[in-house]
Amino acid sequence: MKKYLYLEGASGISGDMLVAALLDLGASREKLDAALESLRQEIPHEFDVSISRKSSYSISGCDFDVRLRRREHHHEETYDAHHHHEHRHLSDVERIIDHVAMTDAARARAKKIFRIVAEAEAGAHGCPVEQVHFHEVGAADSLADIVAIAVLAEDLAPDGWVVTGLTEGSGTVMCQHGELPVPVPAVLNIAAAYGIPLRPSPTRGEMVTPTGIAAAAALRTHDELPPAYRVVSSGTGVGKRDFGRANFLRILLIEPTEEATGEEIWELAANIDDSTPEELSYLQELLLELGARDVWFCPCTMKKSRPAVILGTLVDAALVERAEDCILRHSSTIGVRRHAVQRTVMQRESVSVQLPYGTVRVKRVQRGDIVRCYPEYESMRELARSTGLPLRKIREDVAAALTPED
């Protein structure tokens, strides 16, 4: 059964809240400590990390706090990490991350989060990405936050991340560039670039930080929840700002339930009578790459008895506009029909079947007591080429290896 992490975002999001929620959900403290210890060797500051249980207006959760320490004139001074900052460029940050003890996947994700912020700041200030000074996110505290997010997210390794939107505050906030309206420009740029909805609220203050929304953008794989799901567990990260109400980020570990078989999807159609077969084939490739669930062509006869085809495709609601643009741009049609349809789908998962001479990937589908397994053609083809066995032999061996429970 697939499992997803849902970033609820009802009270916004910040880097430290996300780290705290991931820890509360059960991500590895040992892996985090190892990464942060190696990070300490790469930055000119020492920093302390405090992880504790706190509450915000009676809501209990984990608190992740980073405080910087600098030795000056032989005296060790402690700085609040949320007020003291170093200025770094993206290249400086990436060099630091390259030397942190973390997996390659976690390292790539940490760099992606920083690049998302850099691109947003560059857009806000009208300068190249390479010239962006990281004020807030270039400091050791935010380096620690983003490295921690990448390491802990990799440790939990869900099948996907769901972000439906984030609640933002109102008013203004003081930052490195003076007083700015909420949402700040970097947050707006990230929300626009990655299609993350912002839900306005009357709460005064900045509820969504650039680091927080950049992490959400880098993690997100789904923008909608399943129609029905089971909550496996949850983690809560407590925020540090007092908004006059509970301030926390909650992450839910969820499983789609068997009852979640009915879903709404959009069917797009267009009659096409003067595109070449090559153009239609290319259009099909583009739609599938875009994320269409299926693409097909049916022969038809248009007015004046012209032979033609009907293009049909199924797409999620979030892809309707982009799929329509793709069809209009890459075919000769001048119009696209669309309507929402309901469909019933079986639960699907990928499993592996070990044979004496290799492994075959199998798609397993189920609804109630209906269970079927389909060997993946590409997997069988690769095994047939490497062993010289016929496809039929491999298919028969897979069927024999599967038990009724499979």
Protein backbone atom coordinates (compact mmCIF):
# COMPACT_ATOMS: atom_id res chain seq x y z
CA MET A 1 0.00 0.00 0.00
CA LYS A 2 1.37 3.39 -0.97
CA LYS A 3 1.93 5.98 1.74
CA TYR A 4 2.01 9.77 1.32
CA LEU A 5 3.01 12.67 3.52
CA TYR A 6 0.50 15.53 3.63
CA LEU A 7 1.83 18.98 4.59
CA GLU A 8 -1.30 20.48 6.12
CA GLY A 9 -0.13 24.10 6.12
CA ALA A 10 -3.16 25.47 8.02
CA SER A 11 -0.82 27.71 10.06
CA GLY A 12 1.66 28.39 7.27
CA ILE A 13 5.13 26.89 7.11
CA SER A 14 8.72 27.72 8.04
CA GLY A 15 11.93 25.75 7.85
CA ASP A 16 12.26 25.04 11.56
CA MET A 17 8.59 24.02 11.85
CA LEU A 18 9.03 21.54 9.00
CA VAL A 19 12.14 20.01 10.60
CA ALA A 20 10.31 19.70 13.92
CA ALA A 21 7.26 18.05 12.32
CA LEU A 22 9.44 15.52 10.46
CA LEU A 23 11.23 14.62 13.69
CA ASP A 24 7.92 14.31 15.52
CA LEU A 25 6.72 11.99 12.77
CA GLY A 26 9.63 9.65 13.49
CA ALA A 27 12.44 10.64 11.13
CA SER A 28 15.92 9.58 12.24
CA ARG A 29 17.52 11.77 14.90
CA GLU A 30 20.80 9.88 14.40
CA LYS A 31 21.01 10.78 10.69
CA LEU A 32 20.14 14.38 11.52
CA ASP A 33 22.87 14.62 14.17
CA ALA A 34 25.47 13.19 11.76
CA ALA A 35 24.55 15.68 9.04
CA LEU A 36 24.54 18.68 11.38
CA GLU A 37 27.88 17.67 12.91
CA SER A 38 29.49 17.61 9.46
CA LEU A 39 27.81 20.95 8.65
CA ARG A 40 29.48 22.46 11.72
CA GLN A 41 32.86 21.69 10.14
CA GLU A 42 32.00 23.68 6.99
CA ILE A 43 30.74 26.99 8.37
CA PRO A 44 32.59 29.66 10.34
CA HIS A 45 30.13 29.48 13.23
CA GLU A 46 29.46 26.84 15.78
CA PHE A 47 25.80 26.32 16.43
CA ASP A 48 23.74 24.56 19.03
CA VAL A 49 20.59 22.64 18.23
CA SER A 50 17.85 22.34 20.77
CA ILE A 51 15.08 19.78 20.21
CA SER A 52 12.33 19.75 22.79
CA ARG A 53 8.60 19.44 23.41
CA LYS A 54 6.72 22.71 23.55
CA SER A 55 3.16 23.89 23.11
CA SER A 56 1.45 26.71 21.27
CA TYR A 57 -1.89 27.69 22.80
CA SER A 58 -2.29 24.18 24.27
CA ILE A 59 -1.23 22.37 21.04
CA SER A 60 1.80 20.21 21.87
CA GLY A 61 4.52 19.48 19.35
CA CYS A 62 8.24 19.30 18.65
CA ASP A 63 10.40 22.43 18.63
CA PHE A 64 13.60 22.60 16.56
CA ASP A 65 15.78 25.58 17.43
CA VAL A 66 19.22 26.52 16.10
CA ARG A 67 21.37 29.06 17.92
CA LEU A 68 24.68 30.40 16.65
CA ARG A 69 27.84 30.84 18.68
CA ARG A 70 30.85 32.92 17.63
CA ARG A 71 34.12 33.38 19.44
CA GLU A 72 35.16 37.02 19.50
CA HIS A 73 38.00 38.45 21.59
CA HIS A 74 38.35 35.09 23.34
CA HIS A 75 34.78 35.29 24.59
CA GLU A 76 32.11 32.95 23.37
CA GLU A 77 28.92 34.80 22.53
CA THR A 78 25.54 33.29 21.69
CA TYR A 79 23.36 34.81 18.97
CA ASP A 80 19.72 34.26 18.28
CA ALA A 81 19.80 32.43 14.95
CA HIS A 82 16.71 34.26 13.77
CA HIS A 83 18.33 37.68 13.99
CA HIS A 84 22.00 37.18 13.08
CA HIS A 85 22.86 36.33 9.49
CA GLU A 86 25.78 35.78 7.15
CA HIS A 87 25.55 36.83 3.51
CA ARG A 88 26.35 34.10 0.99
CA HIS A 89 25.85 33.48 -2.71
CA LEU A 90 24.28 30.34 -4.14
CA SER A 91 27.69 28.99 -5.16
CA ASP A 92 28.94 29.37 -1.56
CA VAL A 93 25.94 27.51 -0.21
CA GLU A 94 26.30 24.69 -2.74
CA ARG A 95 29.99 24.24 -1.89
CA ILE A 96 29.07 23.88 1.77
CA ILE A 97 26.33 21.33 1.01
CA ASP A 98 28.75 19.31 -1.13
CA HIS A 99 30.78 18.51 1.99
CA VAL A 100 27.90 17.60 4.32
CA ALA A 101 27.45 13.94 5.27
CA MET A 102 24.21 13.07 3.49
CA THR A 103 22.99 10.90 0.62
CA ASP A 104 23.25 12.17 -2.94
CA ALA A 105 19.44 12.35 -3.14
CA ALA A 106 19.26 14.45 0.04
CA ARG A 107 22.10 16.67 -1.20
CA ALA A 108 20.28 17.29 -4.49
CA ARG A 109 17.10 18.17 -2.63
CA ALA A 110 18.88 20.61 -0.33
CA LYS A 111 20.43 22.34 -3.35
CA LYS A 112 17.04 22.43 -5.06
CA ILE A 113 15.47 24.21 -2.09
CA PHE A 114 18.21 26.84 -2.07
CA ARG A 115 17.96 27.32 -5.84
CA ILE A 116 14.19 27.83 -5.60
CA VAL A 117 14.77 30.60 -3.06
CA ALA A 118 17.60 32.09 -5.13
CA GLU A 119 15.43 32.27 -8.25
CA ALA A 120 12.61 33.87 -6.26
CA GLU A 121 14.93 36.47 -4.71
CA ALA A 122 16.51 37.18 -8.09
CA GLY A 123 13.06 37.87 -9.51
CA ALA A 124 12.21 40.14 -6.60
CA HIS A 125 15.39 42.20 -6.89
CA GLY A 126 15.87 42.10 -10.66
CA CYS A 127 19.33 40.55 -10.61
CA PRO A 128 20.93 37.30 -11.85
CA VAL A 129 20.62 34.29 -9.59
CA GLU A 130 24.39 34.21 -9.12
CA GLN A 131 24.33 37.70 -7.59
CA VAL A 132 21.65 37.00 -5.00
CA HIS A 133 22.82 37.53 -1.42
CA PHE A 134 21.21 35.02 0.89
CA HIS A 135 20.35 37.10 3.93
CA GLU A 136 17.84 34.95 5.76
CA VAL A 137 18.54 31.58 4.09
CA GLY A 138 22.30 31.97 3.79
CA ALA A 139 22.87 32.00 7.53
CA ALA A 140 23.97 28.97 9.46
CA ASP A 141 20.53 28.52 11.01
CA SER A 142 18.82 28.21 7.65
CA LEU A 143 21.61 26.03 6.29
CA ALA A 144 20.89 23.76 9.24
CA ASP A 145 17.13 23.90 8.58
CA ILE A 146 17.41 23.02 4.89
CA VAL A 147 20.02 20.31 5.37
CA ALA A 148 17.82 18.83 8.11
CA ILE A 149 14.72 18.91 5.89
CA ALA A 150 16.54 17.13 3.07
CA VAL A 151 18.01 14.44 5.35
CA LEU A 152 14.80 13.75 7.28
CA ALA A 153 12.61 13.73 4.16
CA GLU A 154 14.95 11.20 2.56
CA ASP A 155 14.85 9.07 5.71
CA LEU A 156 11.04 8.88 5.75
CA ALA A 157 10.96 8.15 1.98
CA PRO A 158 7.20 8.33 1.31
CA ASP A 159 5.69 7.46 -2.07
CA GLY A 160 4.78 11.12 -2.52
CA TRP A 161 4.14 14.48 -0.86
CA VAL A 162 0.79 16.25 -0.91
CA VAL A 163 0.61 20.06 -0.63
CA THR A 164 -2.85 21.47 -1.34
CA GLY A 165 -2.05 25.01 -0.21
CA LEU A 166 -0.61 27.13 2.59
CA THR A 167 -2.33 29.65 4.87
CA GLU A 168 -0.65 33.07 4.85
CA GLY A 169 -0.98 36.04 7.18
CA SER A 170 -1.47 39.73 6.43
CA GLY A 171 0.04 43.12 7.20
CA THR A 172 3.76 43.80 6.95
CA VAL A 173 7.00 42.28 8.21
CA MET A 174 10.45 43.74 8.84
CA CYS A 175 13.31 42.03 6.99
CA GLN A 176 16.78 42.80 5.61
CA HIS A 177 15.28 45.13 2.99
CA GLY A 178 13.04 47.04 5.38
CA GLU A 179 9.30 46.75 5.88
CA LEU A 180 7.59 44.56 3.28
CA PRO A 181 3.98 43.51 2.77
CA VAL A 182 2.93 39.95 3.56
CA PRO A 183 3.33 37.73 1.58
CA VAL A 184 6.87 38.93 0.92
CA PRO A 185 7.98 39.03 -2.75
CA ALA A 186 10.04 35.83 -2.59
CA VAL A 187 7.06 33.87 -1.22
CA LEU A 188 4.81 35.26 -3.96
CA ASN A 189 7.33 34.36 -6.65
CA ILE A 190 7.64 30.77 -5.42
CA ALA A 191 3.86 30.38 -5.09
CA ALA A 192 3.43 31.59 -8.68
CA ALA A 193 6.30 29.55 -10.15
CA TYR A 194 5.24 26.28 -8.53
CA GLY A 195 1.47 26.72 -8.47
CA ILE A 196 1.11 26.55 -4.69
CA PRO A 197 -2.18 28.17 -3.56
CA LEU A 198 -1.96 30.71 -0.74
CA ARG A 199 -5.01 30.91 1.54
CA PRO A 200 -5.37 34.43 3.01
CA SER A 201 -6.17 34.83 6.69
CA PRO A 202 -6.71 37.84 8.99
CA THR A 203 -3.74 36.79 11.15
CA ARG A 204 -1.23 39.63 11.32
CA GLY A 205 2.29 38.57 10.43
CA GLU A 206 4.32 36.34 8.13
CA MET A 207 3.04 32.76 8.36
CA VAL A 208 4.78 31.47 5.21
CA THR A 209 8.54 32.01 4.96
CA PRO A 210 10.59 31.73 1.76
CA THR A 211 12.48 28.73 3.17
CA GLY A 212 9.24 27.02 4.15
CA ILE A 213 7.43 27.42 0.84
CA ALA A 214 10.62 26.55 -1.10
CA ALA A 215 10.83 23.27 0.81
CA ALA A 216 7.15 22.60 0.11
CA ALA A 217 7.73 23.26 -3.60
CA ALA A 218 10.78 20.97 -3.71
CA LEU A 219 8.96 18.14 -1.92
CA ARG A 220 5.51 18.31 -3.50
CA THR A 221 4.48 15.58 -5.92
CA HIS A 222 0.67 15.87 -5.56
CA ASP A 223 -1.59 18.91 -5.17
CA GLU A 224 -4.73 17.01 -4.15
CA LEU A 225 -5.54 14.56 -1.38
CA PRO A 226 -6.99 11.13 -2.21
CA PRO A 227 -10.81 11.07 -2.08
CA ALA A 228 -10.52 8.98 1.11
CA TYR A 229 -7.54 7.99 3.19
CA ARG A 230 -6.46 6.45 6.47
CA VAL A 231 -4.20 8.44 8.81
CA VAL A 232 -1.29 6.20 9.82
CA SER A 233 0.47 8.74 12.04
CA SER A 234 1.14 12.45 12.35
CA GLY A 235 3.87 14.84 13.40
CA THR A 236 3.55 18.37 14.75
CA GLY A 237 6.16 21.12 14.61
CA VAL A 238 5.54 24.14 16.83
CA GLY A 239 6.28 27.62 15.50
CA LYS A 240 8.07 30.35 17.41
CA ARG A 241 5.91 33.33 16.49
CA ASP A 242 2.95 34.35 18.62
CA PHE A 243 0.02 35.02 16.31
CA GLY A 244 -2.50 35.12 19.14
CA ARG A 245 -3.54 31.55 18.34
CA ALA A 246 -1.98 28.12 17.91
CA ASN A 247 0.98 28.20 15.51
CA PHE A 248 2.04 24.76 14.30
CA LEU A 249 2.74 22.71 11.18
CA ARG A 250 1.21 19.26 11.03
CA ILE A 251 2.32 16.45 8.69
CA LEU A 252 0.05 13.44 8.21
CA LEU A 253 1.26 10.05 7.00
CA ILE A 254 -1.71 8.76 5.01
CA GLU A 255 -2.77 5.70 3.01
CA PRO A 256 -5.47 5.87 0.31
CA THR A 257 -8.28 3.52 1.33
CA GLU A 258 -10.01 0.93 -0.82
CA GLU A 259 -13.11 3.07 -0.71
CA ALA A 260 -11.19 5.73 -2.63
CA THR A 261 -12.03 4.18 -5.99
CA GLY A 262 -14.23 6.92 -7.39
CA GLU A 263 -12.37 9.99 -8.63
CA GLU A 264 -13.13 12.96 -10.81
CA ILE A 265 -11.01 13.42 -13.90
CA TRP A 266 -11.32 15.54 -17.04
CA GLU A 267 -11.75 14.19 -20.54
CA LEU A 268 -10.55 16.43 -23.38
CA ALA A 269 -11.43 15.79 -27.02
CA ALA A 270 -10.70 17.39 -30.37
CA ASN A 271 -11.60 16.51 -33.98
CA ILE A 272 -8.52 16.73 -36.19
CA ASP A 273 -8.56 16.34 -39.98
CA ASP A 274 -5.35 17.88 -41.29
CA SER A 275 -2.49 16.97 -38.93
CA THR A 276 0.04 14.41 -40.15
CA PRO A 277 0.44 11.02 -38.43
CA GLU A 278 3.88 12.15 -37.25
CA GLU A 279 2.41 15.30 -35.66
CA LEU A 280 -0.28 13.27 -33.92
CA SER A 281 2.26 10.77 -32.59
CA TYR A 282 4.39 13.63 -31.26
CA LEU A 283 1.34 15.24 -29.63
CA GLN A 284 0.56 11.95 -27.88
CA GLU A 285 4.11 11.83 -26.50
CA LEU A 286 3.86 15.41 -25.23
CA LEU A 287 0.54 14.81 -23.46
CA LEU A 288 1.83 11.68 -21.74
CA GLU A 289 4.99 13.51 -20.66
CA LEU A 290 2.77 16.29 -19.30
CA GLY A 291 1.04 13.77 -17.04
CA ALA A 292 -2.06 12.68 -18.98
CA ARG A 293 -3.52 9.42 -17.67
CA ASP A 294 -4.24 8.18 -21.21
CA VAL A 295 -4.24 9.42 -24.82
CA TRP A 296 -6.05 7.77 -27.74
CA PHE A 297 -7.22 8.36 -31.33
CA CYS A 298 -10.47 7.16 -32.93
CA PRO A 299 -11.29 7.40 -36.65
CA CYS A 300 -14.24 9.57 -37.61
CA THR A 301 -15.76 11.33 -40.63
CA MET A 302 -16.13 15.09 -40.47
CA LYS A 303 -18.27 17.42 -42.56
CA LYS A 304 -17.74 17.25 -46.31
CA SER A 305 -17.02 13.52 -45.77
CA ARG A 306 -13.44 14.15 -44.72
CA PRO A 307 -11.77 11.26 -42.85
CA ALA A 308 -10.30 12.44 -39.57
CA VAL A 309 -9.48 11.35 -36.03
CA ILE A 310 -10.87 12.22 -32.63
CA LEU A 311 -8.13 12.87 -30.09
CA GLY A 312 -9.12 11.90 -26.57
CA THR A 313 -7.17 12.29 -23.34
CA LEU A 314 -7.78 11.97 -19.60
CA VAL A 315 -6.07 14.51 -17.33
CA ASP A 316 -6.27 15.64 -13.72
CA ALA A 317 -7.99 18.96 -13.04
CA ALA A 318 -4.66 20.70 -12.41
CA LEU A 319 -3.46 19.81 -15.93
CA VAL A 320 -6.55 20.84 -17.95
CA GLU A 321 -5.27 24.26 -19.03
CA ARG A 322 -1.78 23.02 -19.90
CA ALA A 323 -3.14 20.01 -21.81
CA GLU A 324 -5.50 22.22 -23.82
CA ASP A 325 -2.63 24.54 -24.68
CA CYS A 326 -0.54 21.53 -25.75
CA ILE A 327 -3.31 20.26 -28.06
CA LEU A 328 -3.93 23.68 -29.63
CA ARG A 329 -0.22 24.35 -30.05
CA HIS A 330 0.80 21.01 -31.56
CA SER A 331 -2.17 20.08 -33.72
CA SER A 332 -4.29 21.78 -36.37
CA THR A 333 -7.49 21.82 -34.30
CA ILE A 334 -9.00 25.18 -33.37
CA GLY A 335 -11.03 23.97 -30.41
CA VAL A 336 -10.97 21.47 -27.55
CA ARG A 337 -14.01 19.99 -25.80
CA ARG A 338 -13.82 19.16 -22.12
CA HIS A 339 -16.03 17.69 -19.44
CA ALA A 340 -15.53 16.24 -15.98
CA VAL A 341 -16.10 12.50 -15.69
CA GLN A 342 -16.25 10.10 -12.79
CA ARG A 343 -14.30 6.88 -13.01
CA THR A 344 -13.82 3.87 -10.78
CA VAL A 345 -10.26 2.59 -10.55
CA MET A 346 -8.71 -0.35 -8.80
CA GLN A 347 -5.92 0.15 -6.27
CA ARG A 348 -2.59 -0.29 -8.03
CA GLU A 349 0.93 -1.07 -6.83
CA SER A 350 4.16 -2.32 -8.36
CA VAL A 351 5.69 -5.54 -7.02
CA SER A 352 8.69 -7.61 -8.08
CA VAL A 353 8.66 -11.34 -8.83
CA GLN A 354 11.96 -13.15 -8.47
CA LEU A 355 12.48 -15.93 -11.04
CA PRO A 356 15.48 -18.31 -11.15
CA TYR A 357 16.98 -16.28 -14.00
CA GLY A 358 15.98 -12.71 -13.09
CA THR A 359 13.39 -10.31 -11.71
CA VAL A 360 10.18 -9.14 -13.38
CA ARG A 361 8.18 -6.10 -12.31
CA VAL A 362 4.47 -6.81 -11.97
CA LYS A 363 1.54 -4.43 -11.68
CA ARG A 364 -0.89 -5.65 -9.00
CA VAL A 365 -4.45 -4.28 -8.99
CA GLN A 366 -7.16 -4.91 -6.43
CA ARG A 367 -10.68 -3.92 -5.53
CA GLY A 368 -12.17 -5.90 -2.68
CA ASP A 369 -11.75 -9.58 -3.51
CA ILE A 370 -10.86 -8.83 -7.14
CA VAL A 371 -7.10 -9.21 -7.57
CA ARG A 372 -5.14 -9.32 -10.83
CA CYS A 373 -1.45 -9.16 -11.68
CA TYR A 374 0.06 -7.99 -14.97
CA PRO A 375 3.76 -8.51 -15.79
CA GLU A 376 5.24 -5.30 -17.13
CA TYR A 377 6.15 -5.71 -20.80
CA GLU A 378 9.34 -3.64 -20.65
CA SER A 379 10.60 -5.67 -17.70
CA MET A 380 9.87 -8.97 -19.50
CA ARG A 381 11.46 -7.68 -22.71
CA GLU A 382 14.70 -6.78 -20.91
CA LEU A 383 14.82 -10.21 -19.30
CA ALA A 384 14.03 -11.96 -22.60
CA ARG A 385 16.90 -10.13 -24.32
CA SER A 386 19.38 -10.91 -21.55
CA THR A 387 18.43 -14.62 -21.26
CA GLY A 388 17.28 -15.48 -24.78
CA LEU A 389 14.02 -16.92 -23.40
CA PRO A 390 10.70 -16.34 -25.19
CA LEU A 391 8.33 -13.77 -23.71
CA ARG A 392 5.66 -16.48 -23.37
CA LYS A 393 7.98 -18.61 -21.19
CA ILE A 394 8.71 -15.64 -18.90
CA ARG A 395 5.02 -14.76 -18.62
CA GLU A 396 4.13 -18.37 -17.73
CA ASP A 397 6.88 -18.51 -15.10
CA VAL A 398 5.64 -15.27 -13.54
CA ALA A 399 2.10 -16.63 -13.37
CA ALA A 400 3.36 -19.83 -11.72
CA ALA A 401 5.42 -17.85 -9.18
CA LEU A 402 2.50 -15.68 -8.08
CA THR A 403 0.52 -17.01 -5.14
CA PRO A 404 -3.20 -16.26 -4.62
CA GLU A 405 -2.20 -13.71 -1.98
CA ASP A 406 -0.08 -11.87 -4.55
